[in-house]
Amino acid sequence: MSKNPTIDLLFQVFFEKPAEIMIPSWLMYGRVLGRIWDSY
């Protein structure tokens, strides 16, 4: 695991879910990150 506890928590949350829930979650998470990135 990484040294960043936030990333560890995200991995725990995502990997505990079934793949059909996990994949859309990652896509939405990526979209949110993209929006934040574009706003800078």
PDB file of N, CA and C in Angstrom:
ATOM      1  N   MET A   1       0.836  -1.201   0.000  1.00  0.00           N
ATOM      2  CA  MET A   1       0.000   0.000   0.000  1.00  0.00           C
ATOM      3  C   MET A   1       0.873   1.254   0.000  1.00  0.00           C
ATOM      4  N   SER A   2       0.265   2.360  -0.380  1.00  0.00           N
ATOM      5  CA  SER A   2       1.011   3.611  -0.455  1.00  0.00           C
ATOM      6  C   SER A   2       1.191   4.212   0.937  1.00  0.00           C
ATOM      7  N   LYS A   3       2.001   5.237   0.993  1.00  0.00           N
ATOM      8  CA  LYS A   3       2.208   5.927   2.268  1.00  0.00           C
ATOM      9  C   LYS A   3       1.128   6.978   2.515  1.00  0.00           C
ATOM     10  N   ASN A   4       0.276   7.204   1.510  1.00  0.00           N
ATOM     11  CA  ASN A   4      -0.779   8.206   1.638  1.00  0.00           C
ATOM     12  C   ASN A   4      -2.049   7.539   2.171  1.00  0.00           C
ATOM     13  N   PRO A   5      -2.481   7.868   3.407  1.00  0.00           N
ATOM     14  CA  PRO A   5      -3.657   7.206   3.986  1.00  0.00           C
ATOM     15  C   PRO A   5      -4.944   7.478   3.222  1.00  0.00           C
ATOM     16  N   THR A   6      -5.033   8.638   2.571  1.00  0.00           N
ATOM     17  CA  THR A   6      -6.242   8.947   1.792  1.00  0.00           C
ATOM     18  C   THR A   6      -6.371   7.986   0.618  1.00  0.00           C
ATOM     19  N   ILE A   7      -5.260   7.719  -0.067  1.00  0.00           N
ATOM     20  CA  ILE A   7      -5.271   6.794  -1.204  1.00  0.00           C
ATOM     21  C   ILE A   7      -5.594   5.384  -0.713  1.00  0.00           C
ATOM     22  N   ASP A   8      -5.021   4.994   0.420  1.00  0.00           N
ATOM     23  CA  ASP A   8      -5.322   3.676   1.000  1.00  0.00           C
ATOM     24  C   ASP A   8      -6.815   3.552   1.271  1.00  0.00           C
ATOM     25  N   LEU A   9      -7.421   4.599   1.817  1.00  0.00           N
ATOM     26  CA  LEU A   9      -8.849   4.580   2.120  1.00  0.00           C
ATOM     27  C   LEU A   9      -9.666   4.457   0.846  1.00  0.00           C
ATOM     28  N   LEU A  10      -9.291   5.208  -0.194  1.00  0.00           N
ATOM     29  CA  LEU A  10      -9.997   5.120  -1.477  1.00  0.00           C
ATOM     30  C   LEU A  10      -9.926   3.706  -2.036  1.00  0.00           C
ATOM     31  N   PHE A  11      -8.740   3.093  -1.972  1.00  0.00           N
ATOM     32  CA  PHE A  11      -8.594   1.730  -2.484  1.00  0.00           C
ATOM     33  C   PHE A  11      -9.476   0.767  -1.700  1.00  0.00           C
ATOM     34  N   GLN A  12      -9.518   0.932  -0.377  1.00  0.00           N
ATOM     35  CA  GLN A  12     -10.367   0.060   0.447  1.00  0.00           C
ATOM     36  C   GLN A  12     -11.825   0.203   0.045  1.00  0.00           C
ATOM     37  N   VAL A  13     -12.286   1.445  -0.107  1.00  0.00           N
ATOM     38  CA  VAL A  13     -13.684   1.692  -0.464  1.00  0.00           C
ATOM     39  C   VAL A  13     -13.998   1.090  -1.828  1.00  0.00           C
ATOM     40  N   PHE A  14     -13.120   1.327  -2.813  1.00  0.00           N
ATOM     41  CA  PHE A  14     -13.405   0.868  -4.175  1.00  0.00           C
ATOM     42  C   PHE A  14     -13.287  -0.643  -4.300  1.00  0.00           C
ATOM     43  N   PHE A  15     -12.269  -1.250  -3.692  1.00  0.00           N
ATOM     44  CA  PHE A  15     -12.025  -2.673  -3.901  1.00  0.00           C
ATOM     45  C   PHE A  15     -12.968  -3.561  -3.101  1.00  0.00           C
ATOM     46  N   GLU A  16     -13.649  -2.999  -2.100  1.00  0.00           N
ATOM     47  CA  GLU A  16     -14.648  -3.780  -1.373  1.00  0.00           C
ATOM     48  C   GLU A  16     -15.933  -3.923  -2.170  1.00  0.00           C
ATOM     49  N   LYS A  17     -16.120  -3.072  -3.182  1.00  0.00           N
ATOM     50  CA  LYS A  17     -17.348  -3.114  -3.979  1.00  0.00           C
ATOM     51  C   LYS A  17     -17.199  -4.083  -5.148  1.00  0.00           C
ATOM     52  N   PRO A  18     -18.305  -4.632  -5.653  1.00  0.00           N
ATOM     53  CA  PRO A  18     -18.245  -5.449  -6.865  1.00  0.00           C
ATOM     54  C   PRO A  18     -17.795  -4.609  -8.067  1.00  0.00           C
ATOM     55  N   ALA A  19     -17.262  -5.287  -9.071  1.00  0.00           N
ATOM     56  CA  ALA A  19     -16.674  -4.602 -10.224  1.00  0.00           C
ATOM     57  C   ALA A  19     -17.690  -3.710 -10.930  1.00  0.00           C
ATOM     58  N   GLU A  20     -18.945  -4.155 -11.049  1.00  0.00           N
ATOM     59  CA  GLU A  20     -19.932  -3.358 -11.780  1.00  0.00           C
ATOM     60  C   GLU A  20     -20.253  -2.047 -11.063  1.00  0.00           C
ATOM     61  N   ILE A  21     -19.996  -1.993  -9.753  1.00  0.00           N
ATOM     62  CA  ILE A  21     -20.153  -0.727  -9.028  1.00  0.00           C
ATOM     63  C   ILE A  21     -18.837   0.049  -9.062  1.00  0.00           C
ATOM     64  N   MET A  22     -17.739  -0.693  -8.948  1.00  0.00           N
ATOM     65  CA  MET A  22     -16.422  -0.079  -8.843  1.00  0.00           C
ATOM     66  C   MET A  22     -16.047   0.683 -10.109  1.00  0.00           C
ATOM     67  N   ILE A  23     -16.318   0.096 -11.277  1.00  0.00           N
ATOM     68  CA  ILE A  23     -15.867   0.716 -12.527  1.00  0.00           C
ATOM     69  C   ILE A  23     -16.556   2.066 -12.771  1.00  0.00           C
ATOM     70  N   PRO A  24     -17.898   2.175 -12.663  1.00  0.00           N
ATOM     71  CA  PRO A  24     -18.525   3.485 -12.792  1.00  0.00           C
ATOM     72  C   PRO A  24     -18.035   4.483 -11.737  1.00  0.00           C
ATOM     73  N   SER A  25     -17.727   3.986 -10.536  1.00  0.00           N
ATOM     74  CA  SER A  25     -17.201   4.877  -9.496  1.00  0.00           C
ATOM     75  C   SER A  25     -15.874   5.486  -9.926  1.00  0.00           C
ATOM     76  N   TRP A  26     -15.005   4.638 -10.515  1.00  0.00           N
ATOM     77  CA  TRP A  26     -13.721   5.149 -10.995  1.00  0.00           C
ATOM     78  C   TRP A  26     -13.920   6.163 -12.119  1.00  0.00           C
ATOM     79  N   LEU A  27     -14.880   5.879 -13.018  1.00  0.00           N
ATOM     80  CA  LEU A  27     -15.136   6.801 -14.131  1.00  0.00           C
ATOM     81  C   LEU A  27     -15.623   8.148 -13.603  1.00  0.00           C
ATOM     82  N   MET A  28     -16.540   8.110 -12.648  1.00  0.00           N
ATOM     83  CA  MET A  28     -17.040   9.368 -12.076  1.00  0.00           C
ATOM     84  C   MET A  28     -15.937  10.092 -11.328  1.00  0.00           C
ATOM     85  N   TYR A  29     -15.113   9.330 -10.594  1.00  0.00           N
ATOM     86  CA  TYR A  29     -14.000   9.919  -9.860  1.00  0.00           C
ATOM     87  C   TYR A  29     -13.030  10.595 -10.826  1.00  0.00           C
ATOM     88  N   GLY A  30     -12.764   9.942 -11.957  1.00  0.00           N
ATOM     89  CA  GLY A  30     -11.889  10.514 -12.975  1.00  0.00           C
ATOM     90  C   GLY A  30     -12.472  11.787 -13.563  1.00  0.00           C
ATOM     91  N   ARG A  31     -13.793  11.787 -13.763  1.00  0.00           N
ATOM     92  CA  ARG A  31     -14.450  12.985 -14.298  1.00  0.00           C
ATOM     93  C   ARG A  31     -14.342  14.149 -13.332  1.00  0.00           C
ATOM     94  N   VAL A  32     -14.545  13.869 -12.054  1.00  0.00           N
ATOM     95  CA  VAL A  32     -14.438  14.922 -11.041  1.00  0.00           C
ATOM     96  C   VAL A  32     -13.015  15.460 -10.994  1.00  0.00           C
ATOM     97  N   LEU A  33     -12.034  14.537 -11.025  1.00  0.00           N
ATOM     98  CA  LEU A  33     -10.635  14.972 -11.029  1.00  0.00           C
ATOM     99  C   LEU A  33     -10.342  15.820 -12.261  1.00  0.00           C
ATOM    100  N   GLY A  34     -10.872  15.412 -13.410  1.00  0.00           N
ATOM    101  CA  GLY A  34     -10.667  16.167 -14.640  1.00  0.00           C
ATOM    102  C   GLY A  34     -11.237  17.577 -14.538  1.00  0.00           C
ATOM    103  N   ARG A  35     -12.403  17.690 -13.924  1.00  0.00           N
ATOM    104  CA  ARG A  35     -13.016  19.003 -13.759  1.00  0.00           C
ATOM    105  C   ARG A  35     -12.188  19.893 -12.843  1.00  0.00           C
ATOM    106  N   ILE A  36     -11.706  19.303 -11.748  1.00  0.00           N
ATOM    107  CA  ILE A  36     -10.859  20.063 -10.811  1.00  0.00           C
ATOM    108  C   ILE A  36      -9.581  20.493 -11.527  1.00  0.00           C
ATOM    109  N   TRP A  37      -8.995  19.554 -12.286  1.00  0.00           N
ATOM    110  CA  TRP A  37      -7.747  19.837 -13.008  1.00  0.00           C
ATOM    111  C   TRP A  37      -7.970  20.973 -14.007  1.00  0.00           C
ATOM    112  N   ASP A  38      -9.092  20.936 -14.752  1.00  0.00           N
ATOM    113  CA  ASP A  38      -9.377  21.965 -15.755  1.00  0.00           C
ATOM    114  C   ASP A  38      -9.605  23.330 -15.122  1.00  0.00           C
ATOM    115  N   SER A  39     -10.106  23.350 -13.889  1.00  0.00           N
ATOM    116  CA  SER A  39     -10.430  24.634 -13.263  1.00  0.00           C
ATOM    117  C   SER A  39      -9.187  25.379 -12.796  1.00  0.00           C
ATOM    118  N   TYR A  40      -8.026  24.685 -12.730  1.00  0.00           N
ATOM    119  CA  TYR A  40      -6.804  25.365 -12.277  1.00  0.00           C
ATOM    120  C   TYR A  40      -6.112  26.093 -13.418  1.00  0.00           C
TER     121      TYR A  40
END
